[in-house]
Amino acid sequence: MTPHQLKRRQFLKAAGLGAAATAIAKPAVAQTNPAIRWRLTSSFPKSLDTLYGAIETIARFVAESTDNQFQISTFAAGEIVPGLQALDAVSNGTVEACHTASYYYFGKDPTFALFCAVPFGLNTRQQNAWFYDGDGMKLMNEFGKKFNVYSLVAGNTGCQMGGWFRKEIKEVADINGLKFRIGGFAGLTIQKLGGVPQQIAGGDIYPALERGTIDAAEWVGPYDDEKLGFSKVAKYYYYPGWWEGATANHLMINLAKWNELPKRYQSIIAGAAAYANSEEMAKYDARNPAALRKLIASGTELRAFSQPIMEAALKASNEVNAETAAVNADFKKVLESMQAFRNEEYFWWQVAEYGYDTFMIRSRSHA
C-alpha cells in the first residue's frame, strides 16, 4: 500500500466513511425517493389534447422530478372506467387518481358543482383566487373527505360557449321542450326554463346531435368544439355559456394514497397540478381565436343569447341555488363563500380589468 493509499484509508476510517457508511447511504436515498406506481384515469378522450393533456403534463413533471421513481400511468375515459365514473374509481381505490370535472357528480351531492362551475359563478381568475388564496380548496378538501378524495386544482377552460343549436333560440319560450346536452348542475336551471337536460360524455355528443336524440349541446369552446365536429350537425353557435363563466378541472387523489406519500412527493404533485392548471387555460386562450374564425368561415352562425334569456336564466339559477341550499348544509356553506368572494371580486374588476378590456376591444381595429 502506498503512503497516499494509507493516508486515505486512515482518513476514511477516522471520518466513519468506510464501506459500512456507504451501505447506509443507499437506503436513505431510497427512502426519500421510494418507487411508486400510480394509475390516473381521465374523464376525457385523448383527442381533446387540452383536457387529456393536463394529465400527461402532471405525469411527466412527477416522473422527471423524482428520477422516474414516482411514475403515473395515464388512461383516457373508457380505458379503465367510463369518463363519468372517474370519481368512483378513485373513491373505491380502483385507481389512485383521476382528472375530472367535479360537477359531473352533482347527482351524488350538488356541492360538487360549486367547485367546478355553476350558473353565474366566478370567472377564471376569480376562481383561481378563491381556490388558492380564499377558502375554495380548504372547503373542497373538507367536503372531499366524505368521498375519500383529496383534490388539487389542475386545469381551467375559461368562460365557455353557450353551445350548438339546430334551431335559433330567440326568446325564453324557445327553450321549452329543448333536449339539451349540458354538463352538471346547470341542467337544473335549464329544467326551470322548460328544457330537458341530458348529461352525455364528450365522445358521445356528436352522434346524439346527429341522430336528433338531442336538439342542442354544449361542450367547451371553439378549439374543442371544432375538433368534435359539432358544426356539421348544428348551425347556430351561442354565447356566452352563462352556466360556465369558468370551469375548473381537478386532480382527485384517493385520500389514503395521498396521505401515504412522502411530503416531498406531495409537493411535487401539487406543483405539477398547478402548472397544468395554468397550461390548460393558456392552451384555450391561445387556440380558441383561430378555431372560432375557422368555424365562422365554414358557415357557423354566431349568436348572442338575448338579454331576456340571460335575465330569465339568472332568476331560475337563483331559485335553484336557494332551493338546494335550503336542504343541503354543505352546499349552503360553499355557495355563500363563493358568492361573497364573487361580489367582492367584481367590485375590483369593474375598476381596472373591465375598464381596460372594454376599451381595448373597442380600439383593437386601431391598434
Protein backbone atom coordinates (compact mmCIF):
# COMPACT_ATOMS: atom_id res chain seq x y z
CA MET A 1 0.00 0.00 0.00
CA THR A 2 1.40 3.37 -0.98
CA PRO A 3 1.70 6.18 1.58
CA HIS A 4 -1.11 8.01 -0.29
CA GLN A 5 -3.46 4.99 -0.07
CA LEU A 6 -2.63 4.51 3.60
CA LYS A 7 -3.43 8.15 4.40
CA ARG A 8 -6.73 7.93 2.53
CA ARG A 9 -7.70 4.74 4.40
CA GLN A 10 -6.87 6.33 7.76
CA PHE A 11 -8.92 9.43 6.81
CA LEU A 12 -11.99 7.39 5.81
CA LYS A 13 -11.76 5.31 8.98
CA ALA A 14 -11.50 8.42 11.15
CA ALA A 15 -14.41 10.08 9.37
CA GLY A 16 -16.56 6.96 9.60
CA LEU A 17 -16.90 6.85 5.80
CA GLY A 18 -15.85 3.29 5.11
CA ALA A 19 -17.83 0.60 3.32
CA ALA A 20 -20.42 0.42 6.11
CA ALA A 21 -21.22 4.12 5.77
CA THR A 22 -21.59 3.75 2.01
CA ALA A 23 -24.02 0.86 2.53
CA ILE A 24 -26.16 3.02 4.85
CA ALA A 25 -26.36 5.89 2.36
CA LYS A 26 -28.25 3.95 -0.32
CA PRO A 27 -31.34 3.04 1.74
CA ALA A 28 -31.51 6.66 2.96
CA VAL A 29 -31.78 7.90 -0.63
CA ALA A 30 -34.32 5.21 -1.49
CA GLN A 31 -36.44 6.22 1.48
CA THR A 32 -36.79 9.83 0.30
CA ASN A 33 -37.34 8.66 -3.31
CA PRO A 34 -39.39 5.45 -2.95
CA ALA A 35 -40.53 3.66 -6.11
CA ILE A 36 -44.26 4.32 -6.50
CA ARG A 37 -46.55 3.41 -9.41
CA TRP A 38 -49.97 5.02 -9.79
CA ARG A 39 -52.78 4.87 -12.35
CA LEU A 40 -54.56 8.10 -13.27
CA THR A 41 -57.79 7.99 -15.28
CA SER A 42 -59.18 10.96 -17.18
CA SER A 43 -62.82 11.83 -17.77
CA PHE A 44 -61.81 12.94 -21.27
CA PRO A 45 -60.72 11.29 -24.54
CA LYS A 46 -57.17 11.59 -25.85
CA SER A 47 -58.46 13.52 -28.88
CA LEU A 48 -59.10 16.52 -26.60
CA ASP A 49 -55.44 17.40 -26.14
CA THR A 50 -56.25 20.42 -23.97
CA LEU A 51 -58.09 18.37 -21.33
CA TYR A 52 -56.37 15.00 -21.60
CA GLY A 53 -53.05 16.81 -21.99
CA ALA A 54 -53.26 18.05 -18.40
CA ILE A 55 -52.61 14.57 -17.02
CA GLU A 56 -49.76 13.96 -19.43
CA THR A 57 -48.17 17.16 -18.10
CA ILE A 58 -48.68 16.08 -14.49
CA ALA A 59 -47.27 12.59 -15.08
CA ARG A 60 -44.21 13.97 -16.91
CA PHE A 61 -43.41 16.54 -14.21
CA VAL A 62 -43.76 13.96 -11.43
CA ALA A 63 -41.53 11.42 -13.19
CA GLU A 64 -38.81 13.93 -14.07
CA SER A 65 -38.80 15.43 -10.57
CA THR A 66 -38.25 12.03 -8.94
CA ASP A 67 -35.74 10.48 -11.39
CA ASN A 68 -38.61 8.24 -12.59
CA GLN A 69 -39.09 6.78 -9.12
CA PHE A 70 -42.69 8.03 -8.98
CA GLN A 71 -44.44 7.03 -12.19
CA ILE A 72 -48.06 7.75 -13.03
CA SER A 73 -49.63 5.83 -15.92
CA THR A 74 -52.37 7.83 -17.65
CA PHE A 75 -55.61 6.44 -19.11
CA ALA A 76 -58.30 8.07 -21.23
CA ALA A 77 -62.00 7.87 -20.46
CA GLY A 78 -63.26 4.34 -21.09
CA GLU A 79 -59.89 2.59 -20.86
CA ILE A 80 -60.38 1.63 -17.20
CA VAL A 81 -63.77 3.17 -16.35
CA PRO A 82 -66.20 5.42 -18.26
CA GLY A 83 -65.49 9.16 -18.02
CA LEU A 84 -68.37 9.88 -15.67
CA GLN A 85 -67.26 7.16 -13.21
CA ALA A 86 -63.77 8.57 -12.57
CA LEU A 87 -64.59 9.79 -9.06
CA ASP A 88 -65.99 6.39 -8.04
CA ALA A 89 -62.83 4.67 -9.27
CA VAL A 90 -60.69 6.92 -7.05
CA SER A 91 -63.01 6.78 -4.07
CA ASN A 92 -63.08 2.96 -4.01
CA GLY A 93 -59.37 2.56 -4.81
CA THR A 94 -59.68 1.08 -8.32
CA VAL A 95 -57.20 3.77 -9.37
CA GLU A 96 -55.11 6.14 -7.28
CA ALA A 97 -56.18 9.34 -9.06
CA CYS A 98 -58.38 10.90 -11.72
CA HIS A 99 -58.62 14.15 -13.66
CA THR A 100 -62.21 15.27 -13.99
CA ALA A 101 -64.84 17.98 -13.76
CA SER A 102 -66.42 17.70 -10.33
CA TYR A 103 -69.83 18.91 -11.49
CA TYR A 104 -70.30 15.55 -13.20
CA TYR A 105 -71.01 14.20 -9.71
CA PHE A 106 -73.70 16.68 -8.66
CA GLY A 107 -76.11 13.72 -8.52
CA LYS A 108 -74.10 12.38 -5.56
CA ASP A 109 -74.12 15.82 -3.95
CA PRO A 110 -74.77 19.21 -5.65
CA THR A 111 -71.92 20.71 -3.61
CA PHE A 112 -69.51 19.12 -6.12
CA ALA A 113 -70.75 21.55 -8.79
CA LEU A 114 -69.68 24.65 -6.83
CA PHE A 115 -66.03 23.63 -7.10
CA CYS A 116 -66.24 23.28 -10.89
CA ALA A 117 -68.85 25.57 -12.49
CA VAL A 118 -72.34 26.77 -11.66
CA PRO A 119 -74.51 29.29 -13.49
CA PHE A 120 -73.37 32.88 -12.94
CA GLY A 121 -70.40 31.85 -10.81
CA LEU A 122 -66.81 33.08 -10.79
CA ASN A 123 -64.68 33.88 -13.83
CA THR A 124 -61.38 32.04 -14.25
CA ARG A 125 -59.06 34.36 -12.38
CA GLN A 126 -61.60 34.84 -9.63
CA GLN A 127 -62.00 31.08 -9.33
CA ASN A 128 -58.24 30.56 -9.04
CA ALA A 129 -58.07 33.33 -6.44
CA TRP A 130 -60.84 31.65 -4.43
CA PHE A 131 -59.06 28.30 -4.59
CA TYR A 132 -55.52 29.48 -3.93
CA ASP A 133 -55.98 32.47 -1.65
CA GLY A 134 -59.60 32.20 -0.47
CA ASP A 135 -61.40 29.26 1.11
CA GLY A 136 -62.05 27.27 -2.07
CA MET A 137 -59.56 24.41 -1.73
CA LYS A 138 -59.96 24.20 2.03
CA LEU A 139 -63.72 23.80 1.61
CA MET A 140 -63.32 21.29 -1.21
CA ASN A 141 -60.98 19.07 0.77
CA GLU A 142 -63.11 19.23 3.90
CA PHE A 143 -66.07 18.12 1.76
CA GLY A 144 -63.97 15.57 -0.16
CA LYS A 145 -63.30 13.53 2.99
CA LYS A 146 -66.86 12.21 2.70
CA PHE A 147 -65.85 10.61 -0.61
CA ASN A 148 -62.30 9.58 0.35
CA VAL A 149 -60.65 12.06 -2.06
CA TYR A 150 -58.07 14.82 -1.87
CA SER A 151 -58.28 17.40 -4.67
CA LEU A 152 -55.89 19.81 -6.37
CA VAL A 153 -56.85 22.41 -8.99
CA ALA A 154 -55.46 21.12 -12.30
CA GLY A 155 -56.94 22.99 -15.25
CA ASN A 156 -59.50 25.55 -16.37
CA THR A 157 -61.32 26.09 -19.66
CA GLY A 158 -62.13 29.76 -19.09
CA CYS A 159 -65.57 31.10 -19.95
CA GLN A 160 -67.30 28.61 -22.20
CA MET A 161 -69.58 28.99 -25.18
CA GLY A 162 -73.36 28.66 -24.95
CA GLY A 163 -73.45 25.65 -27.23
CA TRP A 164 -74.72 24.36 -30.57
CA PHE A 165 -78.39 24.52 -31.53
CA ARG A 166 -80.20 23.04 -34.51
CA LYS A 167 -82.62 25.99 -34.44
CA GLU A 168 -82.39 29.62 -33.34
CA ILE A 169 -83.11 30.46 -29.69
CA LYS A 170 -84.60 33.95 -29.86
CA GLU A 171 -86.69 34.01 -26.68
CA VAL A 172 -87.14 32.09 -23.44
CA ALA A 173 -90.09 30.13 -24.90
CA ASP A 174 -87.73 28.57 -27.46
CA ILE A 175 -86.04 26.62 -24.66
CA ASN A 176 -89.31 24.88 -23.77
CA GLY A 177 -89.06 21.16 -24.57
CA LEU A 178 -85.50 21.53 -25.90
CA LYS A 179 -83.43 18.37 -25.35
CA PHE A 180 -80.10 19.91 -24.36
CA ARG A 181 -76.83 18.16 -23.52
CA ILE A 182 -75.45 20.24 -20.66
CA GLY A 183 -72.85 19.38 -18.04
CA GLY A 184 -73.65 19.07 -14.38
CA PHE A 185 -75.74 21.20 -12.08
CA ALA A 186 -76.70 23.76 -14.76
CA GLY A 187 -79.23 21.25 -16.08
CA LEU A 188 -81.50 22.15 -13.16
CA THR A 189 -81.65 25.76 -14.36
CA ILE A 190 -82.37 24.62 -17.93
CA GLN A 191 -85.17 22.47 -16.47
CA LYS A 192 -86.71 25.50 -14.77
CA LEU A 193 -86.68 27.25 -18.16
CA GLY A 194 -88.61 24.33 -19.67
CA GLY A 195 -85.70 22.49 -21.26
CA VAL A 196 -84.85 18.80 -20.92
CA PRO A 197 -81.22 18.45 -19.77
CA GLN A 198 -79.13 15.45 -20.83
CA GLN A 199 -75.77 14.52 -19.33
CA ILE A 200 -73.67 12.85 -22.03
CA ALA A 201 -69.90 12.29 -22.04
CA GLY A 202 -67.87 14.32 -24.58
CA GLY A 203 -67.21 11.49 -27.01
CA ASP A 204 -70.91 10.59 -27.27
CA ILE A 205 -72.33 14.05 -28.01
CA TYR A 206 -71.81 14.16 -31.79
CA PRO A 207 -73.82 11.02 -32.65
CA ALA A 208 -76.64 12.09 -30.32
CA LEU A 209 -76.82 15.50 -32.02
CA GLU A 210 -76.53 13.96 -35.48
CA ARG A 211 -79.37 11.49 -34.86
CA GLY A 212 -81.60 14.16 -33.34
CA THR A 213 -81.68 12.38 -29.97
CA ILE A 214 -80.83 15.84 -28.62
CA ASP A 215 -81.62 19.28 -30.09
CA ALA A 216 -78.63 21.15 -28.72
CA ALA A 217 -75.33 20.54 -26.96
CA GLU A 218 -72.64 22.49 -25.18
CA TRP A 219 -69.11 21.33 -24.56
CA VAL A 220 -66.34 23.90 -24.02
CA GLY A 221 -65.43 26.36 -26.74
CA PRO A 222 -64.20 26.76 -30.33
CA TYR A 223 -60.98 24.73 -30.15
CA ASP A 224 -62.54 21.59 -28.66
CA ASP A 225 -65.91 22.04 -30.39
CA GLU A 226 -64.28 22.25 -33.83
CA LYS A 227 -62.36 19.03 -33.11
CA LEU A 228 -65.60 17.29 -32.09
CA GLY A 229 -67.28 18.36 -35.35
CA PHE A 230 -70.43 19.90 -33.89
CA SER A 231 -70.68 22.50 -36.67
CA LYS A 232 -71.50 19.67 -39.11
CA VAL A 233 -74.72 18.78 -37.28
CA ALA A 234 -75.86 22.09 -35.71
CA LYS A 235 -75.71 25.51 -37.35
CA TYR A 236 -76.20 28.03 -34.52
CA TYR A 237 -73.42 28.69 -32.01
CA TYR A 238 -74.47 30.72 -28.99
CA TYR A 239 -72.57 32.71 -26.37
CA PRO A 240 -71.80 33.19 -23.54
CA GLY A 241 -72.02 29.96 -21.57
CA TRP A 242 -73.64 31.67 -18.59
CA TRP A 243 -73.53 28.37 -16.72
CA GLU A 244 -69.73 28.20 -17.03
CA GLY A 245 -68.05 31.57 -16.58
CA ALA A 246 -65.07 29.39 -15.67
CA THR A 247 -64.77 25.63 -15.38
CA ALA A 248 -62.18 24.14 -13.06
CA ASN A 249 -60.80 20.65 -13.55
CA HIS A 250 -59.32 18.82 -10.60
CA LEU A 251 -56.79 16.13 -9.92
CA MET A 252 -58.63 13.94 -7.42
CA ILE A 253 -56.50 11.52 -5.41
CA ASN A 254 -57.56 8.65 -3.17
CA LEU A 255 -57.23 10.17 0.31
CA ALA A 256 -55.38 7.22 1.86
CA LYS A 257 -52.93 7.11 -1.06
CA TRP A 258 -52.32 10.86 -0.77
CA ASN A 259 -51.64 10.57 2.97
CA GLU A 260 -49.18 7.70 2.38
CA LEU A 261 -46.98 9.80 0.08
CA PRO A 262 -43.76 11.35 1.39
CA LYS A 263 -44.14 15.12 1.82
CA ARG A 264 -41.66 15.61 -0.99
CA TYR A 265 -43.87 13.70 -3.42
CA GLN A 266 -46.95 15.58 -2.26
CA SER A 267 -45.18 18.87 -3.03
CA ILE A 268 -44.11 17.62 -6.46
CA ILE A 269 -47.68 16.61 -7.35
CA ALA A 270 -49.03 19.94 -6.08
CA GLY A 271 -46.51 21.81 -8.24
CA ALA A 272 -47.29 19.68 -11.30
CA ALA A 273 -51.04 20.24 -10.87
CA ALA A 274 -50.54 24.00 -10.54
CA TYR A 275 -48.53 24.07 -13.77
CA ALA A 276 -51.20 22.01 -15.55
CA ASN A 277 -53.80 24.46 -14.25
CA SER A 278 -52.05 27.41 -15.96
CA GLU A 279 -51.11 25.44 -19.06
CA GLU A 280 -54.65 24.25 -19.83
CA MET A 281 -56.04 27.78 -19.63
CA ALA A 282 -53.18 29.10 -21.77
CA LYS A 283 -53.88 26.49 -24.46
CA TYR A 284 -57.53 27.51 -24.70
CA ASP A 285 -56.70 31.22 -24.76
CA ALA A 286 -54.11 30.69 -27.50
CA ARG A 287 -56.14 28.31 -29.68
CA ASN A 288 -59.76 29.48 -29.44
CA PRO A 289 -59.46 32.59 -31.68
CA ALA A 290 -58.25 30.72 -34.78
CA ALA A 291 -60.76 27.90 -34.22
CA LEU A 292 -63.64 30.39 -33.95
CA ARG A 293 -62.58 32.10 -37.20
CA LYS A 294 -62.44 28.70 -38.90
CA LEU A 295 -65.94 27.78 -37.69
CA ILE A 296 -67.44 31.06 -38.87
CA ALA A 297 -65.71 30.70 -42.26
CA SER A 298 -67.28 27.25 -42.66
CA GLY A 299 -70.82 28.59 -42.16
CA THR A 300 -71.39 28.57 -38.40
CA GLU A 301 -73.91 31.25 -37.33
CA LEU A 302 -72.60 33.01 -34.21
CA ARG A 303 -75.40 34.29 -31.95
CA ALA A 304 -75.59 36.03 -28.55
CA PHE A 305 -78.19 34.97 -26.01
CA SER A 306 -80.70 37.79 -25.72
CA GLN A 307 -80.92 39.94 -22.60
CA PRO A 308 -84.36 38.46 -21.66
CA ILE A 309 -82.90 34.93 -21.87
CA MET A 310 -79.92 35.91 -19.71
CA GLU A 311 -82.20 37.53 -17.11
CA ALA A 312 -84.60 34.57 -17.06
CA ALA A 313 -81.64 32.21 -16.63
CA LEU A 314 -80.25 34.25 -13.73
CA LYS A 315 -83.65 34.26 -11.99
CA ALA A 316 -84.04 30.50 -12.48
CA SER A 317 -80.48 29.88 -11.27
CA ASN A 318 -81.05 31.90 -8.10
CA GLU A 319 -84.16 29.83 -7.40
CA VAL A 320 -82.26 26.55 -7.87
CA ASN A 321 -79.48 27.76 -5.55
CA ALA A 322 -81.96 28.82 -2.84
CA GLU A 323 -83.88 25.53 -3.05
CA THR A 324 -80.68 23.46 -2.90
CA ALA A 325 -79.14 25.48 -0.05
CA ALA A 326 -82.32 25.04 1.99
CA VAL A 327 -81.86 21.27 2.15
CA ASN A 328 -78.07 20.86 1.91
CA ALA A 329 -75.84 22.46 4.56
CA ASP A 330 -72.59 21.77 2.67
CA PHE A 331 -73.95 23.41 -0.48
CA LYS A 332 -75.16 26.42 1.51
CA LYS A 333 -71.76 26.90 3.19
CA VAL A 334 -69.76 26.69 -0.05
CA LEU A 335 -72.27 28.75 -2.07
CA GLU A 336 -72.13 31.60 0.46
CA SER A 337 -68.32 31.58 0.38
CA MET A 338 -68.22 31.58 -3.43
CA GLN A 339 -70.87 34.28 -3.87
CA ALA A 340 -69.33 36.61 -1.28
CA PHE A 341 -65.97 36.20 -3.00
CA ARG A 342 -67.52 36.83 -6.45
CA ASN A 343 -69.28 40.00 -5.36
CA GLU A 344 -66.14 41.43 -3.79
CA GLU A 345 -64.06 40.50 -6.84
CA TYR A 346 -66.41 42.33 -9.20
CA PHE A 347 -66.05 45.47 -7.09
CA TRP A 348 -62.37 45.37 -8.13
CA TRP A 349 -62.97 44.05 -11.65
CA GLN A 350 -65.15 46.98 -12.70
CA VAL A 351 -62.39 49.41 -11.71
CA ALA A 352 -59.44 48.09 -13.71
CA GLU A 353 -59.91 44.82 -15.61
CA TYR A 354 -63.30 45.59 -17.14
CA GLY A 355 -62.39 49.18 -17.96
CA TYR A 356 -59.17 48.16 -19.68
CA ASP A 357 -60.62 45.21 -21.61
CA THR A 358 -63.70 47.05 -22.89
CA PHE A 359 -61.54 49.96 -24.13
CA MET A 360 -59.09 47.61 -25.85
CA ILE A 361 -61.88 45.60 -27.50
CA ARG A 362 -63.41 48.79 -28.90
CA SER A 363 -59.99 50.04 -30.02
CA ARG A 364 -58.38 46.88 -31.41
CA SER A 365 -59.02 47.82 -35.05
CA HIS A 366 -56.87 50.92 -34.47
CA ALA A 367 -54.03 49.17 -32.62
